[in-house]
Amino acid sequence: MTVNDRSIDLAAKIERLERELATLKAELQSDADARLLHVLAAHVGDFCFSAKELVAHARLDAELRAALGPCVLSPRRVGKWLARLAARSISNGRTTDPSLRCVANDESGCVWRVTNSG
């Protein structure tokens, strides 16, 4: 096997590993998204909230804090995550999966509400 053959083989392996890593990252993000929606449904219920209020509440609620992960310190990052969640449908095939939508805007951004699809 020549050096060029090894380089081509190595490049193909790197490309395959990068695709696998991208797939794993997407799966992890999807799991985190679904977990956050279910935690929001359980802990916020039918109340409307802003990202800033959610961050404040997470300081007192360990499960919510864990679901928010590294975003927990930044209302702006939480707001961007919520906007991304609202823009796409997260469903595991269950009719009771919660969904998120911006119901109003105030001086700090969107006012969010979690609803159950079922």
N, C-alpha and C. Protein backbone atom coordinates (compact mmCIF):
# COMPACT_ATOMS: atom_id res chain seq x y z
N MET A 1 0.85 -1.18 0.00
CA MET A 1 0.00 0.00 0.00
C MET A 1 0.90 1.24 0.00
N THR A 2 0.64 2.13 -0.93
CA THR A 2 1.46 3.34 -1.04
C THR A 2 0.98 4.39 -0.06
N VAL A 3 1.80 5.41 0.08
CA VAL A 3 1.44 6.53 0.96
C VAL A 3 0.16 7.19 0.46
N ASN A 4 0.02 7.32 -0.84
CA ASN A 4 -1.18 7.93 -1.41
C ASN A 4 -2.42 7.08 -1.11
N ASP A 5 -2.29 5.76 -1.21
CA ASP A 5 -3.41 4.86 -0.88
C ASP A 5 -3.80 5.00 0.59
N ARG A 6 -2.80 5.09 1.45
CA ARG A 6 -3.08 5.27 2.89
C ARG A 6 -3.77 6.60 3.15
N SER A 7 -3.35 7.63 2.46
CA SER A 7 -3.97 8.95 2.63
C SER A 7 -5.43 8.93 2.20
N ILE A 8 -5.70 8.27 1.08
CA ILE A 8 -7.08 8.16 0.59
C ILE A 8 -7.91 7.35 1.57
N ASP A 9 -7.36 6.23 2.07
CA ASP A 9 -8.05 5.39 3.04
C ASP A 9 -8.33 6.16 4.32
N LEU A 10 -7.34 6.91 4.78
CA LEU A 10 -7.50 7.70 6.00
C LEU A 10 -8.54 8.80 5.81
N ALA A 11 -8.52 9.46 4.66
CA ALA A 11 -9.50 10.51 4.37
C ALA A 11 -10.92 9.93 4.36
N ALA A 12 -11.10 8.75 3.80
CA ALA A 12 -12.42 8.10 3.76
C ALA A 12 -12.88 7.75 5.17
N LYS A 13 -11.96 7.26 6.00
CA LYS A 13 -12.31 6.93 7.39
C LYS A 13 -12.69 8.19 8.16
N ILE A 14 -11.96 9.26 7.97
CA ILE A 14 -12.27 10.52 8.66
C ILE A 14 -13.64 11.03 8.23
N GLU A 15 -13.92 10.97 6.95
CA GLU A 15 -15.22 11.41 6.43
C GLU A 15 -16.36 10.60 7.05
N ARG A 16 -16.18 9.27 7.12
CA ARG A 16 -17.20 8.40 7.72
C ARG A 16 -17.40 8.74 9.19
N LEU A 17 -16.31 8.93 9.93
CA LEU A 17 -16.40 9.27 11.35
C LEU A 17 -17.07 10.63 11.56
N GLU A 18 -16.79 11.58 10.70
CA GLU A 18 -17.43 12.89 10.81
C GLU A 18 -18.93 12.79 10.57
N ARG A 19 -19.36 11.95 9.61
CA ARG A 19 -20.79 11.74 9.38
C ARG A 19 -21.44 11.09 10.60
N GLU A 20 -20.78 10.07 11.15
CA GLU A 20 -21.30 9.40 12.35
C GLU A 20 -21.42 10.37 13.52
N LEU A 21 -20.41 11.22 13.71
CA LEU A 21 -20.44 12.21 14.78
C LEU A 21 -21.58 13.19 14.59
N ALA A 22 -21.78 13.65 13.36
CA ALA A 22 -22.89 14.57 13.08
C ALA A 22 -24.24 13.93 13.40
N THR A 23 -24.38 12.65 13.05
CA THR A 23 -25.62 11.93 13.35
C THR A 23 -25.83 11.81 14.85
N LEU A 24 -24.79 11.46 15.58
CA LEU A 24 -24.90 11.34 17.04
C LEU A 24 -25.24 12.68 17.69
N LYS A 25 -24.61 13.75 17.22
CA LYS A 25 -24.91 15.09 17.76
C LYS A 25 -26.37 15.46 17.52
N ALA A 26 -26.87 15.17 16.32
CA ALA A 26 -28.27 15.47 16.01
C ALA A 26 -29.21 14.67 16.89
N GLU A 27 -28.89 13.40 17.13
CA GLU A 27 -29.73 12.57 18.00
C GLU A 27 -29.71 13.09 19.42
N LEU A 28 -28.54 13.48 19.92
CA LEU A 28 -28.45 14.03 21.27
C LEU A 28 -29.24 15.32 21.39
N GLN A 29 -29.16 16.18 20.38
CA GLN A 29 -29.90 17.44 20.42
C GLN A 29 -31.39 17.18 20.40
N SER A 30 -31.82 16.24 19.57
CA SER A 30 -33.24 15.90 19.51
C SER A 30 -33.73 15.37 20.85
N ASP A 31 -32.92 14.53 21.50
CA ASP A 31 -33.27 14.02 22.83
C ASP A 31 -33.37 15.17 23.83
N ALA A 32 -32.40 16.09 23.78
CA ALA A 32 -32.41 17.24 24.70
C ALA A 32 -33.63 18.12 24.45
N ASP A 33 -33.98 18.31 23.17
CA ASP A 33 -35.16 19.12 22.83
C ASP A 33 -36.43 18.49 23.39
N ALA A 34 -36.58 17.19 23.15
CA ALA A 34 -37.78 16.49 23.63
C ALA A 34 -37.84 16.51 25.16
N ARG A 35 -36.69 16.31 25.80
CA ARG A 35 -36.66 16.32 27.27
C ARG A 35 -37.06 17.69 27.80
N LEU A 36 -36.53 18.76 27.20
CA LEU A 36 -36.89 20.10 27.66
C LEU A 36 -38.39 20.34 27.50
N LEU A 37 -38.97 19.96 26.37
CA LEU A 37 -40.40 20.17 26.18
C LEU A 37 -41.24 19.43 27.23
N HIS A 38 -40.84 18.20 27.54
CA HIS A 38 -41.60 17.43 28.53
C HIS A 38 -41.41 18.01 29.94
N VAL A 39 -40.22 18.48 30.25
CA VAL A 39 -39.99 19.11 31.56
C VAL A 39 -40.78 20.41 31.64
N LEU A 40 -40.80 21.19 30.56
CA LEU A 40 -41.59 22.42 30.56
C LEU A 40 -43.08 22.12 30.77
N ALA A 41 -43.57 21.12 30.07
CA ALA A 41 -44.99 20.76 30.22
C ALA A 41 -45.31 20.35 31.65
N ALA A 42 -44.39 19.64 32.28
CA ALA A 42 -44.62 19.17 33.65
C ALA A 42 -44.47 20.28 34.69
N HIS A 43 -43.52 21.20 34.47
CA HIS A 43 -43.20 22.18 35.50
C HIS A 43 -43.83 23.56 35.28
N VAL A 44 -44.11 23.89 34.05
CA VAL A 44 -44.70 25.20 33.76
C VAL A 44 -46.19 25.07 33.55
N GLY A 45 -46.60 23.92 33.05
CA GLY A 45 -48.02 23.69 32.83
C GLY A 45 -48.58 24.60 31.77
N ASP A 46 -49.71 25.19 32.06
CA ASP A 46 -50.44 26.01 31.10
C ASP A 46 -50.08 27.50 31.21
N PHE A 47 -49.09 27.83 32.02
CA PHE A 47 -48.72 29.22 32.21
C PHE A 47 -47.84 29.74 31.08
N CYS A 48 -47.96 31.01 30.79
CA CYS A 48 -47.09 31.66 29.81
C CYS A 48 -45.84 32.14 30.53
N PHE A 49 -44.72 32.20 29.82
CA PHE A 49 -43.46 32.56 30.45
C PHE A 49 -42.50 33.13 29.42
N SER A 50 -41.56 33.91 29.90
CA SER A 50 -40.47 34.42 29.05
C SER A 50 -39.22 33.59 29.33
N ALA A 51 -38.24 33.72 28.48
CA ALA A 51 -36.97 33.02 28.70
C ALA A 51 -36.33 33.49 30.00
N LYS A 52 -36.44 34.77 30.28
CA LYS A 52 -35.87 35.32 31.52
C LYS A 52 -36.54 34.71 32.75
N GLU A 53 -37.86 34.58 32.71
CA GLU A 53 -38.58 33.96 33.82
C GLU A 53 -38.22 32.48 33.95
N LEU A 54 -38.03 31.82 32.82
CA LEU A 54 -37.66 30.40 32.85
C LEU A 54 -36.30 30.20 33.50
N VAL A 55 -35.35 31.06 33.16
CA VAL A 55 -34.01 30.98 33.77
C VAL A 55 -34.10 31.22 35.27
N ALA A 56 -34.90 32.20 35.69
CA ALA A 56 -35.07 32.47 37.12
C ALA A 56 -35.69 31.27 37.82
N HIS A 57 -36.68 30.66 37.20
CA HIS A 57 -37.34 29.48 37.79
C HIS A 57 -36.37 28.29 37.87
N ALA A 58 -35.49 28.18 36.88
CA ALA A 58 -34.53 27.07 36.85
C ALA A 58 -33.56 27.14 38.02
N ARG A 59 -33.34 28.32 38.57
CA ARG A 59 -32.46 28.43 39.74
C ARG A 59 -33.04 27.70 40.94
N LEU A 60 -34.37 27.54 40.95
CA LEU A 60 -35.06 26.89 42.07
C LEU A 60 -35.48 25.46 41.76
N ASP A 61 -35.44 25.07 40.50
CA ASP A 61 -35.95 23.77 40.07
C ASP A 61 -34.83 22.96 39.43
N ALA A 62 -34.35 21.95 40.14
CA ALA A 62 -33.20 21.16 39.67
C ALA A 62 -33.47 20.43 38.36
N GLU A 63 -34.66 19.89 38.17
CA GLU A 63 -34.96 19.16 36.93
C GLU A 63 -34.97 20.11 35.73
N LEU A 64 -35.57 21.28 35.91
CA LEU A 64 -35.58 22.28 34.83
C LEU A 64 -34.16 22.76 34.55
N ARG A 65 -33.41 22.99 35.60
CA ARG A 65 -32.01 23.43 35.45
C ARG A 65 -31.21 22.39 34.66
N ALA A 66 -31.42 21.11 34.95
CA ALA A 66 -30.71 20.04 34.24
C ALA A 66 -31.16 19.97 32.78
N ALA A 67 -32.44 20.16 32.53
CA ALA A 67 -32.95 20.11 31.15
C ALA A 67 -32.41 21.27 30.31
N LEU A 68 -32.20 22.41 30.94
CA LEU A 68 -31.66 23.57 30.22
C LEU A 68 -30.16 23.44 30.00
N GLY A 69 -29.50 22.66 30.82
CA GLY A 69 -28.07 22.42 30.65
C GLY A 69 -27.26 23.70 30.68
N PRO A 70 -26.30 23.85 29.78
CA PRO A 70 -25.42 25.01 29.81
C PRO A 70 -26.13 26.32 29.48
N CYS A 71 -27.32 26.26 28.90
CA CYS A 71 -28.06 27.48 28.57
C CYS A 71 -28.64 28.16 29.80
N VAL A 72 -28.64 27.46 30.93
CA VAL A 72 -29.37 27.92 32.11
C VAL A 72 -28.94 29.30 32.58
N LEU A 73 -27.75 29.72 32.27
CA LEU A 73 -27.26 31.01 32.75
C LEU A 73 -27.61 32.17 31.83
N SER A 74 -28.14 31.90 30.66
CA SER A 74 -28.35 32.94 29.67
C SER A 74 -29.78 32.95 29.13
N PRO A 75 -30.59 33.93 29.53
CA PRO A 75 -31.93 34.02 28.95
C PRO A 75 -31.91 34.13 27.42
N ARG A 76 -30.90 34.78 26.88
CA ARG A 76 -30.81 34.91 25.42
C ARG A 76 -30.62 33.54 24.76
N ARG A 77 -29.73 32.71 25.32
CA ARG A 77 -29.53 31.36 24.76
C ARG A 77 -30.77 30.50 24.93
N VAL A 78 -31.43 30.64 26.08
CA VAL A 78 -32.68 29.89 26.29
C VAL A 78 -33.73 30.34 25.27
N GLY A 79 -33.83 31.64 25.07
CA GLY A 79 -34.80 32.17 24.10
C GLY A 79 -34.53 31.66 22.69
N LYS A 80 -33.27 31.60 22.30
CA LYS A 80 -32.92 31.09 20.97
C LYS A 80 -33.27 29.60 20.86
N TRP A 81 -33.02 28.85 21.93
CA TRP A 81 -33.37 27.43 21.93
C TRP A 81 -34.88 27.26 21.82
N LEU A 82 -35.63 28.04 22.58
CA LEU A 82 -37.09 27.95 22.53
C LEU A 82 -37.61 28.32 21.14
N ALA A 83 -37.01 29.33 20.53
CA ALA A 83 -37.43 29.73 19.18
C ALA A 83 -37.18 28.59 18.18
N ARG A 84 -36.05 27.92 18.31
CA ARG A 84 -35.75 26.80 17.44
C ARG A 84 -36.73 25.65 17.67
N LEU A 85 -37.07 25.41 18.95
CA LEU A 85 -38.03 24.35 19.26
C LEU A 85 -39.40 24.67 18.69
N ALA A 86 -39.80 25.92 18.79
CA ALA A 86 -41.12 26.31 18.29
C ALA A 86 -41.18 26.22 16.77
N ALA A 87 -40.04 26.39 16.11
CA ALA A 87 -40.01 26.38 14.65
C ALA A 87 -40.08 24.99 14.05
N ARG A 88 -39.81 23.99 14.85
CA ARG A 88 -39.87 22.63 14.32
C ARG A 88 -40.72 21.75 15.21
N SER A 89 -41.23 20.72 14.64
CA SER A 89 -42.09 19.80 15.37
C SER A 89 -41.25 18.68 15.96
N ILE A 90 -41.40 18.45 17.24
CA ILE A 90 -40.72 17.35 17.90
C ILE A 90 -41.78 16.34 18.27
N SER A 91 -41.65 15.18 17.72
CA SER A 91 -42.63 14.14 17.98
C SER A 91 -41.96 12.78 18.01
N ASN A 92 -42.32 12.02 19.00
CA ASN A 92 -41.84 10.64 19.09
C ASN A 92 -42.96 9.68 18.71
N GLY A 93 -43.92 10.17 17.93
CA GLY A 93 -45.02 9.32 17.50
C GLY A 93 -46.16 9.28 18.51
N ARG A 94 -46.03 9.99 19.59
CA ARG A 94 -47.10 10.01 20.60
C ARG A 94 -47.99 11.22 20.32
N THR A 95 -49.27 11.06 20.53
CA THR A 95 -50.19 12.17 20.29
C THR A 95 -50.21 13.15 21.44
N THR A 96 -49.55 12.82 22.54
CA THR A 96 -49.56 13.71 23.69
C THR A 96 -48.27 14.51 23.83
N ASP A 97 -47.41 14.49 22.79
CA ASP A 97 -46.18 15.25 22.86
C ASP A 97 -46.49 16.74 22.98
N PRO A 98 -45.78 17.42 23.88
CA PRO A 98 -46.01 18.86 24.02
C PRO A 98 -45.43 19.63 22.85
N SER A 99 -45.97 20.79 22.61
CA SER A 99 -45.42 21.70 21.60
C SER A 99 -45.27 23.07 22.25
N LEU A 100 -44.53 23.92 21.60
CA LEU A 100 -44.20 25.23 22.14
C LEU A 100 -44.51 26.28 21.09
N ARG A 101 -45.07 27.41 21.54
CA ARG A 101 -45.29 28.50 20.60
C ARG A 101 -45.17 29.85 21.30
N CYS A 102 -44.80 30.83 20.53
CA CYS A 102 -44.71 32.21 21.02
C CYS A 102 -46.11 32.80 20.91
N VAL A 103 -46.70 33.18 22.04
CA VAL A 103 -48.08 33.68 22.03
C VAL A 103 -48.15 35.20 22.04
N ALA A 104 -47.04 35.84 22.38
CA ALA A 104 -47.00 37.31 22.42
C ALA A 104 -45.55 37.76 22.49
N ASN A 105 -45.33 39.02 22.34
CA ASN A 105 -44.01 39.61 22.51
C ASN A 105 -44.11 40.75 23.51
N ASP A 106 -43.10 40.85 24.36
CA ASP A 106 -43.03 41.98 25.27
C ASP A 106 -41.64 42.59 25.16
N GLU A 107 -41.30 43.46 26.09
CA GLU A 107 -40.01 44.16 26.01
C GLU A 107 -38.80 43.22 26.09
N SER A 108 -38.98 42.03 26.63
CA SER A 108 -37.85 41.11 26.75
C SER A 108 -37.85 40.02 25.68
N GLY A 109 -38.83 40.02 24.78
CA GLY A 109 -38.88 39.02 23.72
C GLY A 109 -40.19 38.26 23.71
N CYS A 110 -40.13 37.02 23.29
CA CYS A 110 -41.33 36.19 23.18
C CYS A 110 -41.88 35.79 24.55
N VAL A 111 -43.17 35.68 24.60
CA VAL A 111 -43.85 35.05 25.73
C VAL A 111 -44.29 33.69 25.21
N TRP A 112 -43.82 32.64 25.89
CA TRP A 112 -43.98 31.28 25.42
C TRP A 112 -45.10 30.56 26.15
N ARG A 113 -45.64 29.54 25.47
CA ARG A 113 -46.65 28.69 26.08
C ARG A 113 -46.47 27.27 25.55
N VAL A 114 -46.54 26.31 26.47
CA VAL A 114 -46.44 24.89 26.12
C VAL A 114 -47.87 24.34 26.07
N THR A 115 -48.14 23.59 25.00
CA THR A 115 -49.44 22.94 24.89
C THR A 115 -49.22 21.48 24.55
N ASN A 116 -50.15 20.65 24.95
CA ASN A 116 -50.10 19.24 24.56
C ASN A 116 -50.85 19.07 23.25
N SER A 117 -50.27 18.28 22.36
CA SER A 117 -50.84 18.08 21.03
C SER A 117 -52.06 17.18 21.06
N GLY A 118 -52.16 16.38 22.10
CA GLY A 118 -53.23 15.39 22.13
C GLY A 118 -54.51 15.88 22.68
